[in-house]
C-alpha atoms as a PDB file:
ATOM      1  CA  MET A   1      61.732 132.993  88.963  1.00  0.00           C
ATOM      2  CA  PRO A   2      64.959 134.845  88.023  1.00  0.00           C
ATOM      3  CA  LYS A   3      68.020 133.662  89.919  1.00  0.00           C
ATOM      4  CA  ARG A   4      69.603 136.114  92.326  1.00  0.00           C
ATOM      5  CA  SER A   5      73.324 136.878  92.176  1.00  0.00           C
ATOM      6  CA  ILE A   6      75.390 135.321  94.956  1.00  0.00           C
ATOM      7  CA  LEU A   7      78.939 136.099  96.097  1.00  0.00           C
ATOM      8  CA  HIS A   8      80.541 133.388  98.239  1.00  0.00           C
ATOM      9  CA  MET A   9      83.257 135.001 100.390  1.00  0.00           C
ATOM     10  CA  PHE A  10      85.980 132.564 101.522  1.00  0.00           C
ATOM     11  CA  ASP A  11      88.220 133.856 104.309  1.00  0.00           C
ATOM     12  CA  PRO A  12      90.895 132.015 106.335  1.00  0.00           C
ATOM     13  CA  MET A  13      90.514 134.572 109.143  1.00  0.00           C
ATOM     14  CA  PRO A  14      87.950 134.414 111.998  1.00  0.00           C
ATOM     15  CA  ASN A  15      85.757 137.021 110.290  1.00  0.00           C
ATOM     16  CA  ASN A  16      85.149 138.471 106.859  1.00  0.00           C
ATOM     17  CA  SER A  17      85.932 142.108 106.166  1.00  0.00           C
ATOM     18  CA  PRO A  18      82.960 144.489 106.586  1.00  0.00           C
ATOM     19  CA  PHE A  19      84.631 146.708 103.974  1.00  0.00           C
ATOM     20  CA  ASP A  20      84.479 143.921 101.379  1.00  0.00           C
ATOM     21  CA  ILE A  21      80.890 143.091 102.285  1.00  0.00           C
ATOM     22  CA  ASN A  22      79.849 146.731 101.828  1.00  0.00           C
ATOM     23  CA  MET A  23      81.686 146.945  98.514  1.00  0.00           C
ATOM     24  CA  ALA A  24      80.127 143.745  97.178  1.00  0.00           C
ATOM     25  CA  LEU A  25      76.603 144.857  98.009  1.00  0.00           C
ATOM     26  CA  ASP A  26      77.194 148.257  96.421  1.00  0.00           C
ATOM     27  CA  ALA A  27      78.595 146.551  93.312  1.00  0.00           C
ATOM     28  CA  GLY A  28      75.258 144.845  92.768  1.00  0.00           C
ATOM     29  CA  PHE A  29      75.346 141.372  94.344  1.00  0.00           C
ATOM     30  CA  ASP A  30      71.986 140.351  95.774  1.00  0.00           C
ATOM     31  CA  VAL A  31      73.229 137.849  98.332  1.00  0.00           C
ATOM     32  CA  LEU A  32      76.536 137.581 100.200  1.00  0.00           C
ATOM     33  CA  MET A  33      77.579 134.356 101.908  1.00  0.00           C
ATOM     34  CA  PRO A  34      80.599 134.838 104.189  1.00  0.00           C
ATOM     35  CA  TYR A  35      82.686 131.857 105.332  1.00  0.00           C
ATOM     36  CA  SER A  36      85.326 132.208 108.061  1.00  0.00           C
ATOM     37  CA  ASN A  37      88.274 130.012 109.102  1.00  0.00           C
ATOM     38  CA  VAL A  38      88.442 128.477 105.625  1.00  0.00           C
ATOM     39  CA  LYS A  39      91.497 126.296 105.015  1.00  0.00           C
ATOM     40  CA  LEU A  40      93.197 125.690 101.689  1.00  0.00           C
ATOM     41  CA  GLU A  41      92.131 122.047 101.751  1.00  0.00           C
ATOM     42  CA  ASN A  42      88.478 123.165 102.014  1.00  0.00           C
ATOM     43  CA  ILE A  43      88.523 125.112  98.751  1.00  0.00           C
ATOM     44  CA  HIS A  44      87.943 122.224  96.333  1.00  0.00           C
ATOM     45  CA  ASN A  45      84.789 120.954  98.043  1.00  0.00           C
ATOM     46  CA  LEU A  46      83.434 124.429  98.747  1.00  0.00           C
ATOM     47  CA  THR A  47      83.916 125.421  95.108  1.00  0.00           C
ATOM     48  CA  GLN A  48      82.096 122.343  93.861  1.00  0.00           C
ATOM     49  CA  ASP A  49      79.232 123.050  96.242  1.00  0.00           C
ATOM     50  CA  VAL A  50      79.087 126.550  94.756  1.00  0.00           C
ATOM     51  CA  ILE A  51      78.996 125.481  91.110  1.00  0.00           C
ATOM     52  CA  PHE A  52      76.844 122.353  90.978  1.00  0.00           C
ATOM     53  CA  SER A  53      73.825 123.696  92.853  1.00  0.00           C
ATOM     54  CA  ARG A  54      72.690 126.393  90.406  1.00  0.00           C
ATOM     55  CA  GLY A  55      72.863 124.941  86.907  1.00  0.00           C
ATOM     56  CA  PRO A  56      74.674 126.410  83.883  1.00  0.00           C
ATOM     57  CA  SER A  57      72.548 129.578  83.904  1.00  0.00           C
ATOM     58  CA  GLY A  58      72.898 130.081  87.637  1.00  0.00           C
ATOM     59  CA  VAL A  59      76.693 129.954  87.670  1.00  0.00           C
ATOM     60  CA  LYS A  60      76.742 133.125  85.581  1.00  0.00           C
ATOM     61  CA  LYS A  61      75.173 134.879  88.572  1.00  0.00           C
ATOM     62  CA  THR A  62      77.576 133.268  91.047  1.00  0.00           C
ATOM     63  CA  ALA A  63      81.116 134.244  92.037  1.00  0.00           C
ATOM     64  CA  ILE A  64      83.769 133.657  94.702  1.00  0.00           C
ATOM     65  CA  PHE A  65      85.697 136.307  96.634  1.00  0.00           C
ATOM     66  CA  ILE A  66      88.828 135.339  98.581  1.00  0.00           C
ATOM     67  CA  GLY A  67      89.895 137.489 101.521  1.00  0.00           C
ATOM     68  CA  GLY A  68      92.190 137.015 104.494  1.00  0.00           C
ATOM     69  CA  ARG A  69      95.487 138.706 105.312  1.00  0.00           C
ATOM     70  CA  ASP A  70      98.035 136.490 103.554  1.00  0.00           C
ATOM     71  CA  MET A  71      98.813 137.193  99.907  1.00  0.00           C
ATOM     72  CA  GLY A  72     100.342 133.787  99.226  1.00  0.00           C
ATOM     73  CA  MET A  73      97.417 131.946 100.790  1.00  0.00           C
ATOM     74  CA  ALA A  74      94.896 134.009  98.830  1.00  0.00           C
ATOM     75  CA  ILE A  75      96.620 133.220  95.527  1.00  0.00           C
ATOM     76  CA  ASP A  76      96.835 129.546  96.500  1.00  0.00           C
ATOM     77  CA  MET A  77      93.109 129.535  97.219  1.00  0.00           C
ATOM     78  CA  LEU A  78      92.339 131.218  93.899  1.00  0.00           C
ATOM     79  CA  GLN A  79      94.415 128.618  92.063  1.00  0.00           C
ATOM     80  CA  ALA A  80      92.754 125.792  94.013  1.00  0.00           C
ATOM     81  CA  CYS A  81      89.331 126.912  92.752  1.00  0.00           C
ATOM     82  CA  LYS A  82      90.212 126.297  89.108  1.00  0.00           C
ATOM     83  CA  PRO A  83      90.611 122.483  89.038  1.00  0.00           C
ATOM     84  CA  ALA A  84      87.426 122.111  91.092  1.00  0.00           C
ATOM     85  CA  MET A  85      85.380 123.505  88.217  1.00  0.00           C
ATOM     86  CA  VAL A  86      83.948 121.458  85.365  1.00  0.00           C
ATOM     87  CA  PRO A  87      82.683 123.279  82.230  1.00  0.00           C
ATOM     88  CA  PRO A  88      80.042 124.603  81.933  1.00  0.00           C
ATOM     89  CA  PHE A  89      79.953 124.801  85.733  1.00  0.00           C
ATOM     90  CA  GLN A  90      82.499 127.597  86.136  1.00  0.00           C
ATOM     91  CA  VAL A  91      82.355 130.810  88.161  1.00  0.00           C
ATOM     92  CA  SER A  92      84.571 133.884  88.440  1.00  0.00           C
ATOM     93  CA  VAL A  93      87.000 134.271  91.356  1.00  0.00           C
ATOM     94  CA  PHE A  94      88.586 137.431  92.788  1.00  0.00           C
ATOM     95  CA  ALA A  95      91.389 137.359  95.385  1.00  0.00           C
ATOM     96  CA  ASP A  96      91.869 140.587  97.359  1.00  0.00           C
ATOM     97  CA  PRO A  97      93.177 139.766 100.871  1.00  0.00           C
ATOM     98  CA  SER A  98      92.852 142.776 103.192  1.00  0.00           C
ATOM     99  CA  GLY A  99      92.150 144.820 100.065  1.00  0.00           C
ATOM    100  CA  ALA A 100      95.860 144.392  99.329  1.00  0.00           C
ATOM    101  CA  CYS A 101      95.489 143.659  95.619  1.00  0.00           C
ATOM    102  CA  THR A 102      93.371 146.715  94.868  1.00  0.00           C
ATOM    103  CA  THR A 103      95.270 148.996  97.280  1.00  0.00           C
ATOM    104  CA  ALA A 104      98.662 148.050  95.851  1.00  0.00           C
ATOM    105  CA  ALA A 105      97.394 148.349  92.285  1.00  0.00           C
ATOM    106  CA  ALA A 106      95.989 151.825  92.974  1.00  0.00           C
ATOM    107  CA  LEU A 107      99.174 152.927  94.765  1.00  0.00           C
ATOM    108  CA  VAL A 108     101.533 151.828  92.010  1.00  0.00           C
ATOM    109  CA  ALA A 109      99.272 153.201  89.266  1.00  0.00           C
ATOM    110  CA  CYS A 110      99.017 156.617  90.983  1.00  0.00           C
ATOM    111  CA  VAL A 111     102.773 156.810  91.555  1.00  0.00           C
ATOM    112  CA  GLU A 112     103.465 155.659  88.008  1.00  0.00           C
ATOM    113  CA  LYS A 113     101.245 158.414  86.594  1.00  0.00           C
ATOM    114  CA  ALA A 114     102.857 161.085  88.799  1.00  0.00           C
ATOM    115  CA  LEU A 115     106.280 159.845  87.787  1.00  0.00           C
ATOM    116  CA  LYS A 116     105.444 160.149  84.090  1.00  0.00           C
ATOM    117  CA  THR A 117     103.566 163.443  84.339  1.00  0.00           C
ATOM    118  CA  GLN A 118     105.937 165.309  86.628  1.00  0.00           C
ATOM    119  CA  HIS A 119     109.289 163.771  85.753  1.00  0.00           C
ATOM    120  CA  GLY A 120     108.928 162.070  82.371  1.00  0.00           C
ATOM    121  CA  LYS A 121     110.153 158.810  83.910  1.00  0.00           C
ATOM    122  CA  GLU A 122     108.999 155.196  83.886  1.00  0.00           C
ATOM    123  CA  LEU A 123     109.120 152.662  86.698  1.00  0.00           C
ATOM    124  CA  LYS A 124     111.977 150.953  84.892  1.00  0.00           C
ATOM    125  CA  ASP A 125     114.080 154.101  85.278  1.00  0.00           C
ATOM    126  CA  CYS A 126     113.809 154.108  89.066  1.00  0.00           C
ATOM    127  CA  LYS A 127     114.834 152.581  92.372  1.00  0.00           C
ATOM    128  CA  ALA A 128     111.854 152.006  94.665  1.00  0.00           C
ATOM    129  CA  LEU A 129     111.668 151.384  98.418  1.00  0.00           C
ATOM    130  CA  VAL A 130     108.614 149.657  99.887  1.00  0.00           C
ATOM    131  CA  PHE A 131     108.279 150.412 103.601  1.00  0.00           C
ATOM    132  CA  GLY A 132     106.010 147.879 105.268  1.00  0.00           C
ATOM    133  CA  GLY A 133     107.215 145.625 102.502  1.00  0.00           C
ATOM    134  CA  THR A 134     106.488 142.296 104.186  1.00  0.00           C
ATOM    135  CA  GLY A 135     102.755 142.939 104.668  1.00  0.00           C
ATOM    136  CA  PRO A 136     100.189 141.975 102.007  1.00  0.00           C
ATOM    137  CA  VAL A 137      99.966 145.479 100.477  1.00  0.00           C
ATOM    138  CA  GLY A 138     103.747 145.837 100.531  1.00  0.00           C
ATOM    139  CA  ILE A 139     104.320 142.484  98.862  1.00  0.00           C
ATOM    140  CA  ALA A 140     101.831 143.184  96.069  1.00  0.00           C
ATOM    141  CA  THR A 141     103.291 146.688  95.627  1.00  0.00           C
ATOM    142  CA  GLY A 142     106.821 145.323  95.453  1.00  0.00           C
ATOM    143  CA  VAL A 143     105.956 142.636  92.924  1.00  0.00           C
ATOM    144  CA  LEU A 144     104.138 145.116  90.692  1.00  0.00           C
ATOM    145  CA  ALA A 145     106.972 147.656  90.816  1.00  0.00           C
ATOM    146  CA  SER A 146     109.633 145.009  90.207  1.00  0.00           C
ATOM    147  CA  THR A 147     107.872 143.190  87.377  1.00  0.00           C
ATOM    148  CA  HIS A 148     107.377 146.548  85.656  1.00  0.00           C
ATOM    149  CA  GLY A 149     111.087 147.268  85.756  1.00  0.00           C
ATOM    150  CA  ALA A 150     111.825 149.168  88.964  1.00  0.00           C
ATOM    151  CA  GLU A 151     114.813 148.220  91.106  1.00  0.00           C
ATOM    152  CA  THR A 152     112.696 147.325  94.129  1.00  0.00           C
ATOM    153  CA  VAL A 153     113.637 146.890  97.790  1.00  0.00           C
ATOM    154  CA  LEU A 154     111.226 145.402 100.351  1.00  0.00           C
ATOM    155  CA  VAL A 155     111.939 147.062 103.702  1.00  0.00           C
ATOM    156  CA  ASP A 156     111.008 145.431 107.019  1.00  0.00           C
ATOM    157  CA  HIS A 157     111.057 147.440 110.240  1.00  0.00           C
ATOM    158  CA  LEU A 158     112.440 144.668 112.450  1.00  0.00           C
ATOM    159  CA  SER A 159     114.243 141.907 110.581  1.00  0.00           C
ATOM    160  CA  VAL A 160     116.152 141.638 107.332  1.00  0.00           C
ATOM    161  CA  ASP A 161     115.454 137.899 107.427  1.00  0.00           C
ATOM    162  CA  SER A 162     111.711 138.537 107.183  1.00  0.00           C
ATOM    163  CA  ALA A 163     112.317 140.729 104.150  1.00  0.00           C
ATOM    164  CA  LYS A 164     114.627 138.114 102.600  1.00  0.00           C
ATOM    165  CA  ASP A 165     112.049 135.378 103.129  1.00  0.00           C
ATOM    166  CA  ALA A 166     109.370 137.483 101.414  1.00  0.00           C
ATOM    167  CA  THR A 167     111.567 138.419  98.458  1.00  0.00           C
ATOM    168  CA  LYS A 168     112.687 134.825  97.945  1.00  0.00           C
ATOM    169  CA  GLN A 169     109.136 133.476  97.994  1.00  0.00           C
ATOM    170  CA  TYR A 170     107.513 136.097  95.795  1.00  0.00           C
ATOM    171  CA  ASN A 171     110.407 136.548  93.376  1.00  0.00           C
ATOM    172  CA  ARG A 172     110.194 132.845  92.619  1.00  0.00           C
ATOM    173  CA  ARG A 173     106.448 132.875  92.390  1.00  0.00           C
ATOM    174  CA  PHE A 174     105.938 135.923  90.172  1.00  0.00           C
ATOM    175  CA  GLY A 175     109.253 136.371  88.358  1.00  0.00           C
ATOM    176  CA  ALA A 176     110.149 139.512  90.313  1.00  0.00           C
ATOM    177  CA  LYS A 177     113.672 140.644  91.225  1.00  0.00           C
ATOM    178  CA  MET A 178     113.133 142.309  94.593  1.00  0.00           C
ATOM    179  CA  THR A 179     115.877 142.674  97.186  1.00  0.00           C
ATOM    180  CA  ALA A 180     115.552 142.932 100.970  1.00  0.00           C
ATOM    181  CA  ALA A 181     116.499 145.491 103.610  1.00  0.00           C
ATOM    182  CA  VAL A 182     115.788 146.396 107.222  1.00  0.00           C
ATOM    183  CA  ALA A 183     115.223 149.915 108.597  1.00  0.00           C
ATOM    184  CA  ARG A 184     114.874 149.830 112.380  1.00  0.00           C
ATOM    185  CA  ASN A 185     115.703 153.475 113.021  1.00  0.00           C
ATOM    186  CA  ASP A 186     116.024 156.857 111.317  1.00  0.00           C
ATOM    187  CA  GLU A 187     119.689 156.319 110.536  1.00  0.00           C
ATOM    188  CA  GLU A 188     118.978 153.137 108.582  1.00  0.00           C
ATOM    189  CA  LYS A 189     115.993 154.747 106.847  1.00  0.00           C
ATOM    190  CA  SER A 190     118.099 157.761 105.839  1.00  0.00           C
ATOM    191  CA  ALA A 191     120.770 155.529 104.330  1.00  0.00           C
ATOM    192  CA  LEU A 192     118.210 153.720 102.194  1.00  0.00           C
ATOM    193  CA  ILE A 193     116.310 156.839 101.141  1.00  0.00           C
ATOM    194  CA  GLU A 194     119.411 158.640  99.977  1.00  0.00           C
ATOM    195  CA  SER A 195     119.443 156.762  96.655  1.00  0.00           C
ATOM    196  CA  ALA A 196     115.692 156.168  96.185  1.00  0.00           C
ATOM    197  CA  ASP A 197     113.635 157.585  93.314  1.00  0.00           C
ATOM    198  CA  ILE A 198     110.324 156.275  94.682  1.00  0.00           C
ATOM    199  CA  ILE A 199     109.063 155.655  98.206  1.00  0.00           C
ATOM    200  CA  PHE A 200     106.012 153.450  98.697  1.00  0.00           C
ATOM    201  CA  CYS A 201     104.724 153.555 102.275  1.00  0.00           C
ATOM    202  CA  THR A 202     102.488 150.543 102.977  1.00  0.00           C
ATOM    203  CA  ALA A 203     103.171 150.153 106.697  1.00  0.00           C
ATOM    204  CA  LYS A 204     100.604 149.814 109.489  1.00  0.00           C
ATOM    205  CA  ALA A 205      98.038 152.608 109.722  1.00  0.00           C
ATOM    206  CA  GLY A 206      98.609 155.414 112.199  1.00  0.00           C
ATOM    207  CA  ILE A 207     102.402 155.070 112.341  1.00  0.00           C
ATOM    208  CA  ARG A 208     104.837 157.729 111.104  1.00  0.00           C
ATOM    209  CA  VAL A 209     107.401 155.746 109.133  1.00  0.00           C
ATOM    210  CA  VAL A 210     109.328 158.498 107.362  1.00  0.00           C
ATOM    211  CA  SER A 211     109.865 161.776 109.210  1.00  0.00           C
ATOM    212  CA  ALA A 212     110.800 165.087 107.628  1.00  0.00           C
ATOM    213  CA  ASN A 213     114.326 164.693 109.006  1.00  0.00           C
ATOM    214  CA  VAL A 214     114.690 161.346 107.250  1.00  0.00           C
ATOM    215  CA  LEU A 215     113.077 162.621 104.051  1.00  0.00           C
ATOM    216  CA  ALA A 216     115.564 165.483 103.932  1.00  0.00           C
ATOM    217  CA  ASN A 217     118.266 162.915 103.118  1.00  0.00           C
ATOM    218  CA  ALA A 218     116.560 161.968  99.855  1.00  0.00           C
ATOM    219  CA  LYS A 219     118.854 163.210  97.112  1.00  0.00           C
ATOM    220  CA  GLN A 220     117.028 161.901  94.044  1.00  0.00           C
ATOM    221  CA  LEU A 221     113.471 161.298  95.251  1.00  0.00           C
ATOM    222  CA  LYS A 222     110.813 161.862  92.609  1.00  0.00           C
ATOM    223  CA  VAL A 223     107.550 160.481  94.029  1.00  0.00           C
ATOM    224  CA  ALA A 224     106.444 159.337  97.486  1.00  0.00           C
ATOM    225  CA  GLY A 225     103.136 157.461  97.831  1.00  0.00           C
ATOM    226  CA  ASP A 226     101.509 156.820 101.215  1.00  0.00           C
ATOM    227  CA  VAL A 227      98.441 154.594 101.756  1.00  0.00           C
ATOM    228  CA  ASN A 228      98.016 155.452 105.462  1.00  0.00           C
ATOM    229  CA  ALA A 229      94.851 157.511 105.954  1.00  0.00           C
ATOM    230  CA  VAL A 230      94.950 157.333 109.777  1.00  0.00           C
ATOM    231  CA  PRO A 231      96.858 160.231 111.421  1.00  0.00           C
ATOM    232  CA  PRO A 232      99.751 160.651 111.561  1.00  0.00           C
ATOM    233  CA  SER A 233     100.580 160.085 107.903  1.00  0.00           C
ATOM    234  CA  GLY A 234     103.148 157.417 107.114  1.00  0.00           C
ATOM    235  CA  ILE A 235     105.326 159.988 105.340  1.00  0.00           C
ATOM    236  CA  GLU A 236     105.589 163.405 106.951  1.00  0.00           C
ATOM    237  CA  GLY A 237     104.614 166.129 104.514  1.00  0.00           C
ATOM    238  CA  VAL A 238     102.260 163.916 102.470  1.00  0.00           C
ATOM    239  CA  ALA A 239      98.664 164.894 103.242  1.00  0.00           C
ATOM    240  CA  PRO A 240      95.791 162.444 102.560  1.00  0.00           C
ATOM    241  CA  ASN A 241      94.333 164.391  99.620  1.00  0.00           C
ATOM    242  CA  ASP A 242      97.666 165.198  97.967  1.00  0.00           C
ATOM    243  CA  THR A 243      97.947 164.418  94.280  1.00  0.00           C
ATOM    244  CA  SER A 244     101.400 165.314  92.974  1.00  0.00           C
ATOM    245  CA  VAL A 245     101.914 167.965  95.670  1.00  0.00           C
ATOM    246  CA  PRO A 246     105.538 169.212  96.160  1.00  0.00           C
ATOM    247  CA  LEU A 247     107.371 167.751  99.138  1.00  0.00           C
ATOM    248  CA  SER A 248     109.024 170.740 100.783  1.00  0.00           C
ATOM    249  CA  ALA A 249     110.674 168.516 103.391  1.00  0.00           C
ATOM    250  CA  ALA A 250     112.734 166.787 100.690  1.00  0.00           C
ATOM    251  CA  ALA A 251     115.026 169.783 100.336  1.00  0.00           C
ATOM    252  CA  GLN A 252     117.724 167.906  98.466  1.00  0.00           C
ATOM    253  CA  SER A 253     115.263 166.508  95.904  1.00  0.00           C
ATOM    254  CA  ALA A 254     114.130 169.233  93.562  1.00  0.00           C
ATOM    255  CA  GLY A 255     110.693 168.404  92.191  1.00  0.00           C
ATOM    256  CA  ALA A 256     109.901 165.603  94.661  1.00  0.00           C
ATOM    257  CA  ILE A 257     106.126 165.143  94.999  1.00  0.00           C
ATOM    258  CA  GLY A 258     103.738 163.260  97.264  1.00  0.00           C
ATOM    259  CA  VAL A 259     100.602 161.233  96.582  1.00  0.00           C
ATOM    260  CA  GLY A 260      98.328 160.828  99.607  1.00  0.00           C
ATOM    261  CA  ALA A 261      96.158 158.066 101.007  1.00  0.00           C
ATOM    262  CA  LEU A 262      92.748 159.481 100.060  1.00  0.00           C
ATOM    263  CA  ALA A 263      93.857 160.205  96.499  1.00  0.00           C
ATOM    264  CA  ILE A 264      95.056 156.603  96.237  1.00  0.00           C
ATOM    265  CA  GLY A 265      91.988 155.360  98.115  1.00  0.00           C
ATOM    266  CA  ASN A 266      89.652 156.988  95.621  1.00  0.00           C
ATOM    267  CA  ILE A 267      91.227 154.901  92.843  1.00  0.00           C
ATOM    268  CA  LYS A 268      91.230 151.801  95.068  1.00  0.00           C
ATOM    269  CA  TYR A 269      87.500 152.216  95.750  1.00  0.00           C
ATOM    270  CA  GLN A 270      86.667 152.606  92.058  1.00  0.00           C
ATOM    271  CA  LEU A 271      88.923 149.692  91.202  1.00  0.00           C
ATOM    272  CA  GLN A 272      87.446 147.215  93.677  1.00  0.00           C
ATOM    273  CA  ARG A 273      83.945 148.191  92.607  1.00  0.00           C
ATOM    274  CA  GLU A 274      84.788 147.680  88.913  1.00  0.00           C
ATOM    275  CA  LEU A 275      86.377 144.278  89.540  1.00  0.00           C
ATOM    276  CA  LEU A 276      83.434 143.116  91.642  1.00  0.00           C
ATOM    277  CA  LYS A 277      81.071 144.230  88.880  1.00  0.00           C
ATOM    278  CA  LEU A 278      83.212 142.309  86.385  1.00  0.00           C
ATOM    279  CA  LEU A 279      82.498 139.111  88.347  1.00  0.00           C
ATOM    280  CA  LEU A 280      78.805 139.722  87.679  1.00  0.00           C
ATOM    281  CA  GLU A 281      79.005 140.911  84.089  1.00  0.00           C
ATOM    282  CA  SER A 282      81.639 138.743  82.424  1.00  0.00           C
ATOM    283  CA  GLU A 283      80.264 136.172  79.979  1.00  0.00           C
ATOM    284  CA  GLN A 284      83.267 133.926  80.628  1.00  0.00           C
ATOM    285  CA  PRO A 285      84.740 133.148  84.078  1.00  0.00           C
ATOM    286  CA  VAL A 286      87.586 135.430  85.154  1.00  0.00           C
ATOM    287  CA  PHE A 287      90.245 134.837  87.800  1.00  0.00           C
ATOM    288  CA  LEU A 288      91.525 138.108  89.242  1.00  0.00           C
ATOM    289  CA  ASP A 289      94.464 139.025  91.479  1.00  0.00           C
ATOM    290  CA  PHE A 290      96.710 142.094  91.944  1.00  0.00           C
ATOM    291  CA  ARG A 291      98.154 141.883  88.411  1.00  0.00           C
ATOM    292  CA  ASP A 292      94.704 142.157  86.845  1.00  0.00           C
ATOM    293  CA  ALA A 293      93.876 144.912  89.316  1.00  0.00           C
ATOM    294  CA  PHE A 294      96.922 146.908  88.207  1.00  0.00           C
ATOM    295  CA  ASP A 295      95.967 146.632  84.543  1.00  0.00           C
ATOM    296  CA  LYS A 296      92.546 148.033  85.409  1.00  0.00           C
ATOM    297  CA  ALA A 297      93.927 150.726  87.752  1.00  0.00           C
ATOM    298  CA  ARG A 298      96.110 152.180  85.000  1.00  0.00           C
ATOM    299  CA  GLY A 299      92.946 153.009  83.109  1.00  0.00           C
ATOM    300  CA  LEU A 300      91.394 154.724  86.113  1.00  0.00           C
ATOM    301  CA  VAL A 301      94.153 157.136  87.154  1.00  0.00           C
END
């Protein structure tokens, strides 16, 4: 009897994401096995239970997905899977906590394309602000922008110390060069935006982060990308379906354009589906995080 494909879904949170479960089924997995409240110290034994029960042929139809809400924990879990495997008992692993890896990859890839197409610029030519920068999407976005050359600032809405802690941890971990800032009110946001070329909005859904009045202070803004699909938009003037649509509110920035949440989400959806399919189709085990997702997203935009 042919072996069915199985995706084991490890999650440190009390429940697995329904979004990820839907995506995995649509990508072609026959069986999904969700695990909640998984701790880092559980990963070694769980991984060995996954690999040794199916035989060398069965592991090719077996994979691990790591969810949760913490980017650092997800990467730690992915790394902890590797030493638990013994050739030929090896399976592919994909870390995408809260969809942060695929969302950030799609966001940066869409903004990068708009930047090149509309302004003839590269990420390395620009200063980027990441609002919501201490969340999982913001962290992955910041690391991608920074490691591809942008002068990148992670912006927290309450505490500069939170932003500093995040930049210190993830700069060290991924070789980024992010700096930290706080923007608690419109005055502080306006001061930051004045010198920004790129705005990434990765803050909590349904919250207006950048108003038209704040955006009007942008003197050299080129592209603003917003991943918030829940009204109101995170950046006023950026509609969900916008793809390189002029930002009339940014009066001081001639040629400033917006990229909306549904345009980014379309790439994110395709990207997550392709990476999940890769877990099934790869002849050799693959270990995927936001950096691999970005490489793939560049080919999709």
